[in-house]
Amino acid sequence: MELAIKKASVNDATTLALLAQITFKEAFGHIWDKEVLRNYLKHTFSVQKMKGSIEKSNNVFWLAYADELPVGYAKLKICSPYDRLADPKPAQLQKIYVLNDYIGNKIGQRLQEALFEQVKTEGVKTLWLAVWDGNEKAIQFYERHGFKKETTYRYDFESMSFDYEVMVKPFG
């Protein structure tokens, strides 16, 4: 399998929106109420929302291609303060998602490597992320790559509530 990682542009918004909807549903569809999930996907991952997010100067997206097919993506938000962190200008690893059929091919790792390079280029000292506390695979992935659990918070959307682990990785 030939793997390529490229930075996304506004021209990739449709691809990103579709990948985001599919990968989120694959990862979490089993724990969400179907109607609430439909509303969340429409609210969070529309093409217009993706275009707006890509256009923000502090957001960087990457797309992963396997044999020229889009199979995953990542998002970094530069200067994303979190009130429980001492660093006033940390970056946030907001998303790394890979289609289920491609998990296990180091695509998530390659996306993360591209993201880490951007963090270093930007001179960021702290990278943080939030991961659903029931996603042990993701938590283990991040721990293997130097993230440590820092704190927790609760996220509510309509009738659903989820607990998240906030994980932190220091840089330079």
Foldseek 3Di string as FASTA:
>chain_A
DDKDKDKDALVCLVVQLVLVLQQCCVVCVVPDDPVLSVVCSCVCRDSVNSSVQRPDPQKIKMFMADVNHTFWMWMKGWQDDDVVDPDNTAIEGEDTTGRPVCPPVCRSVVNVVVVVVVCVVVVHFKYKYKDFPVPVVVVVVVVVVAWDFDDKDWDDGVPDITIITMIMHGDD
